[in-house]
N, C-alpha and C. Protein backbone atom coordinates (compact mmCIF):
# COMPACT_ATOMS: atom_id res chain seq x y z
N MET A 1 -63.99 86.55 52.55
CA MET A 1 -65.51 87.54 53.13
C MET A 1 -65.94 85.82 52.09
N THR A 2 -65.45 85.90 51.27
CA THR A 2 -66.39 84.85 50.42
C THR A 2 -66.58 83.77 51.05
N GLY A 3 -67.88 82.77 50.61
CA GLY A 3 -69.07 81.83 50.67
C GLY A 3 -69.17 81.92 51.87
N MET A 4 -69.33 83.31 52.40
CA MET A 4 -70.06 83.69 53.59
C MET A 4 -71.34 84.27 53.17
N ALA A 5 -72.54 83.51 54.13
CA ALA A 5 -73.64 84.54 53.76
C ALA A 5 -73.73 85.67 54.08
N LYS A 6 -74.56 86.38 53.45
CA LYS A 6 -74.83 88.23 52.87
C LYS A 6 -75.89 88.31 53.76
N THR A 7 -75.55 89.36 54.90
CA THR A 7 -76.34 90.21 55.61
C THR A 7 -77.08 91.59 55.20
N GLN A 8 -78.36 91.83 54.73
CA GLN A 8 -78.41 93.70 54.41
C GLN A 8 -78.33 94.34 55.74
N LEU A 9 -77.35 95.35 55.37
CA LEU A 9 -77.50 96.73 56.77
C LEU A 9 -78.12 97.77 56.08
N GLY A 10 -78.94 98.62 56.92
CA GLY A 10 -79.17 100.34 56.41
C GLY A 10 -78.28 101.03 57.25
N ALA A 11 -78.02 101.91 56.99
CA ALA A 11 -77.25 102.79 57.36
C ALA A 11 -77.45 104.47 56.91
N ARG A 12 -77.89 105.41 57.42
CA ARG A 12 -78.25 106.78 57.29
C ARG A 12 -76.76 107.28 57.32
N VAL A 13 -76.30 108.27 56.08
CA VAL A 13 -75.00 108.87 56.34
C VAL A 13 -75.38 109.89 55.16
N ASP A 14 -74.55 111.07 55.70
CA ASP A 14 -74.42 112.50 54.94
C ASP A 14 -74.54 112.09 53.82
N GLU A 15 -74.98 112.89 52.56
CA GLU A 15 -74.55 112.22 50.91
C GLU A 15 -72.98 112.69 51.05
N ASP A 16 -72.30 113.55 51.54
CA ASP A 16 -70.44 113.85 51.53
C ASP A 16 -70.17 112.29 51.75
N VAL A 17 -70.40 112.02 52.68
CA VAL A 17 -70.05 110.67 53.25
C VAL A 17 -70.17 109.18 52.32
N ALA A 18 -71.24 109.15 51.67
CA ALA A 18 -71.72 108.41 50.68
C ALA A 18 -70.85 108.21 49.65
N GLU A 19 -71.17 109.69 49.17
CA GLU A 19 -69.97 110.08 47.90
C GLU A 19 -68.39 109.11 48.66
N LEU A 20 -68.20 109.29 48.94
CA LEU A 20 -66.78 108.95 49.52
C LEU A 20 -66.52 107.69 49.41
N ALA A 21 -67.21 107.07 50.13
CA ALA A 21 -67.47 105.51 50.18
C ALA A 21 -67.93 105.10 48.91
N ARG A 22 -68.77 105.73 47.99
CA ARG A 22 -68.76 104.91 46.64
C ARG A 22 -67.49 105.31 45.79
N LYS A 23 -66.95 106.82 45.90
CA LYS A 23 -65.70 106.76 44.96
C LYS A 23 -64.31 105.69 45.16
N ARG A 24 -64.08 105.63 46.93
CA ARG A 24 -63.27 104.98 47.68
C ARG A 24 -63.64 103.51 47.33
N ALA A 25 -64.37 102.73 47.62
CA ALA A 25 -64.86 101.69 46.82
C ALA A 25 -64.31 101.27 45.01
N ALA A 26 -65.20 102.38 44.72
CA ALA A 26 -64.58 102.20 42.84
C ALA A 26 -63.20 102.28 42.83
N ASP A 27 -61.96 103.21 43.74
CA ASP A 27 -61.13 103.26 43.47
C ASP A 27 -60.06 101.94 43.71
N LEU A 28 -61.05 101.14 44.74
CA LEU A 28 -60.31 99.56 44.85
C LEU A 28 -60.82 98.62 44.26
N GLY A 29 -62.08 98.86 43.25
CA GLY A 29 -61.87 97.79 42.63
C GLY A 29 -63.56 97.03 43.69
N LEU A 30 -63.98 97.59 44.07
CA LEU A 30 -65.04 96.68 45.54
C LEU A 30 -66.75 97.37 45.51
N SER A 31 -67.36 96.79 45.50
CA SER A 31 -68.56 97.38 45.43
C SER A 31 -68.40 97.76 47.18
N VAL A 32 -69.86 99.23 47.25
CA VAL A 32 -69.88 99.43 48.62
C VAL A 32 -69.56 98.61 49.56
N GLY A 33 -70.56 97.82 49.74
CA GLY A 33 -70.47 96.51 50.65
C GLY A 33 -69.18 96.15 51.54
N ASP A 34 -68.91 95.51 50.48
CA ASP A 34 -67.22 94.82 50.03
C ASP A 34 -66.36 96.02 50.92
N TYR A 35 -66.63 97.18 50.63
CA TYR A 35 -66.11 98.49 51.08
C TYR A 35 -65.93 98.51 52.58
N LEU A 36 -66.77 98.73 53.45
CA LEU A 36 -67.72 98.79 54.65
C LEU A 36 -67.02 97.55 55.05
N ALA A 37 -67.54 96.24 55.08
CA ALA A 37 -67.15 95.05 55.62
C ALA A 37 -65.78 95.24 55.78
N ARG A 38 -64.84 95.88 54.89
CA ARG A 38 -63.39 95.78 54.86
C ARG A 38 -62.92 96.81 55.70
N LEU A 39 -63.96 97.57 56.04
CA LEU A 39 -63.31 98.86 57.23
C LEU A 39 -63.75 98.31 58.24
N VAL A 40 -64.43 97.27 58.28
CA VAL A 40 -65.33 96.83 59.79
C VAL A 40 -63.75 95.72 60.46
N GLN A 41 -63.46 94.79 59.24
CA GLN A 41 -62.87 93.83 59.68
C GLN A 41 -61.61 94.70 59.80
N ASP A 42 -61.07 95.36 59.25
CA ASP A 42 -59.89 96.33 59.85
C ASP A 42 -60.00 96.72 60.83
N ASP A 43 -60.95 97.73 61.33
CA ASP A 43 -61.29 98.06 62.73
C ASP A 43 -61.41 97.20 63.72
N THR A 44 -62.06 95.91 63.58
CA THR A 44 -62.07 95.00 64.49
C THR A 44 -60.43 94.21 64.89
N SER A 45 -60.28 94.27 63.61
CA SER A 45 -58.68 93.24 63.79
C SER A 45 -57.38 94.50 64.21
N GLY A 46 -57.41 95.37 65.10
CA GLY A 46 -56.73 96.49 65.34
C GLY A 46 -55.60 96.79 63.83
N LEU A 47 -56.32 96.78 62.80
CA LEU A 47 -55.83 97.26 62.13
C LEU A 47 -55.30 98.82 61.80
N ARG A 48 -56.43 99.29 62.46
CA ARG A 48 -56.39 100.54 62.23
C ARG A 48 -56.21 101.29 63.39
N ALA A 49 -56.08 100.49 64.92
CA ALA A 49 -55.51 101.00 65.84
C ALA A 49 -53.76 100.99 65.70
N ARG A 50 -53.44 99.67 65.06
CA ARG A 50 -52.08 99.62 64.66
C ARG A 50 -51.41 101.18 64.01
N ALA A 51 -52.52 101.71 63.06
CA ALA A 51 -51.92 102.44 62.07
C ALA A 51 -51.62 103.86 62.32
N VAL A 52 -52.48 104.08 63.23
CA VAL A 52 -52.42 105.30 64.04
C VAL A 52 -51.74 105.27 65.20
N ASP A 53 -51.45 104.38 65.92
CA ASP A 53 -49.86 104.62 66.57
C ASP A 53 -49.23 104.63 65.70
N ALA A 54 -48.64 103.71 65.01
CA ALA A 54 -47.60 103.95 63.98
C ALA A 54 -47.16 105.62 64.02
N ALA A 55 -48.29 106.14 63.27
CA ALA A 55 -48.56 107.87 62.99
C ALA A 55 -48.53 108.23 64.29
N ALA A 56 -49.00 108.47 65.30
CA ALA A 56 -48.51 109.39 66.16
C ALA A 56 -47.15 109.00 66.72
N ARG A 57 -46.33 108.15 66.42
CA ARG A 57 -45.02 107.49 66.69
C ARG A 57 -44.14 108.53 65.97
N PHE A 58 -44.71 108.42 64.61
CA PHE A 58 -43.88 109.11 63.42
C PHE A 58 -43.85 110.43 64.21
N LEU A 59 -45.09 111.05 64.38
CA LEU A 59 -44.83 112.59 64.29
C LEU A 59 -44.29 112.87 65.81
N ALA A 60 -44.20 112.17 66.94
CA ALA A 60 -43.75 112.35 67.97
C ALA A 60 -42.50 112.46 67.91
N GLU A 61 -41.72 111.43 67.34
CA GLU A 61 -40.02 111.64 66.64
C GLU A 61 -39.86 112.43 66.11
N HIS A 62 -40.59 113.42 65.17
CA HIS A 62 -40.30 113.96 64.42
C HIS A 62 -40.96 115.70 64.02
N GLN A 63 -41.51 115.89 65.13
CA GLN A 63 -42.40 117.03 65.64
C GLN A 63 -41.71 118.21 65.57
N SER A 64 -40.06 117.93 65.86
CA SER A 64 -39.39 118.95 65.72
C SER A 64 -38.99 119.70 63.70
N LEU A 65 -38.75 118.66 63.24
CA LEU A 65 -38.92 118.98 61.77
C LEU A 65 -39.93 119.68 61.35
N PHE A 66 -41.15 118.80 61.35
CA PHE A 66 -42.48 119.55 61.33
C PHE A 66 -42.66 121.24 61.73
N ASP A 67 -42.17 121.55 63.05
CA ASP A 67 -42.44 122.66 63.60
C ASP A 67 -41.17 123.65 62.89
N GLU A 68 -40.24 123.32 62.62
CA GLU A 68 -39.33 123.90 61.83
C GLU A 68 -39.51 124.50 60.36
N ALA A 69 -40.35 123.08 59.92
CA ALA A 69 -40.72 123.54 58.27
C ALA A 69 -42.21 124.49 58.48
N GLU A 70 -42.95 124.64 59.30
CA GLU A 70 -43.88 125.33 60.01
C GLU A 70 -43.55 126.63 59.90
N ALA A 71 -42.74 126.86 60.76
CA ALA A 71 -41.79 128.30 61.41
C ALA A 71 -41.22 128.34 59.78
N GLU A 72 -40.51 127.77 59.07
CA GLU A 72 -40.02 128.30 57.84
C GLU A 72 -40.82 129.01 56.69
N GLN A 73 -41.88 127.95 56.40
CA GLN A 73 -43.61 128.84 55.79
C GLN A 73 -43.87 129.88 56.56
N GLY A 74 -44.06 130.14 57.26
CA GLY A 74 -44.33 131.52 58.49
C GLY A 74 -43.53 132.51 57.63
N ARG A 75 -42.48 132.00 57.91
CA ARG A 75 -41.50 133.37 57.18
C ARG A 75 -41.44 133.79 56.15
N ARG A 76 -42.10 133.20 55.41
CA ARG A 76 -42.36 132.66 53.83
C ARG A 76 -43.28 133.73 53.38
N THR A 77 -44.56 133.31 54.41
CA THR A 77 -45.44 134.17 54.18
C THR A 77 -45.96 135.55 54.06
N PRO A 78 -46.32 136.07 53.46
CA PRO A 78 -46.36 137.82 54.22
C PRO A 78 -47.77 137.66 54.66
N PRO A 79 -47.36 139.06 55.82
CA PRO A 79 -48.62 138.86 56.93
C PRO A 79 -50.11 139.03 55.72
N GLY A 80 -50.85 138.36 57.10
CA GLY A 80 -51.98 138.58 56.06
C GLY A 80 -52.44 137.63 54.80
N GLU A 81 -51.64 137.05 54.19
CA GLU A 81 -51.75 136.05 53.23
C GLU A 81 -51.91 134.54 54.02
N HIS A 82 -52.30 133.62 53.74
CA HIS A 82 -52.46 132.28 54.32
C HIS A 82 -52.57 131.37 53.54
N ALA A 83 -51.90 129.77 53.36
CA ALA A 83 -52.56 129.12 52.51
C ALA A 83 -53.86 128.23 52.86
N ALA A 84 -54.76 128.13 51.40
CA ALA A 84 -55.82 127.52 51.86
C ALA A 84 -55.99 126.35 52.66
């Protein structure tokens, strides 16, 4: 991104989305603009799709463990009480 001409974009988002973007950008030490540019580059490079695919494969491979853990949790939670 360094050395490239900058273009200003305008977008309207819900305030909670804007706040999440500000906080995450700050966490990463980036401006909101640089953070959004990174998201777009990751998305268009296929990084996001690969990560989602990897997560889906992981869940598919280990679904029985999640099902067992969920069933065990259900046995420990008294009727009428649910985790938030």
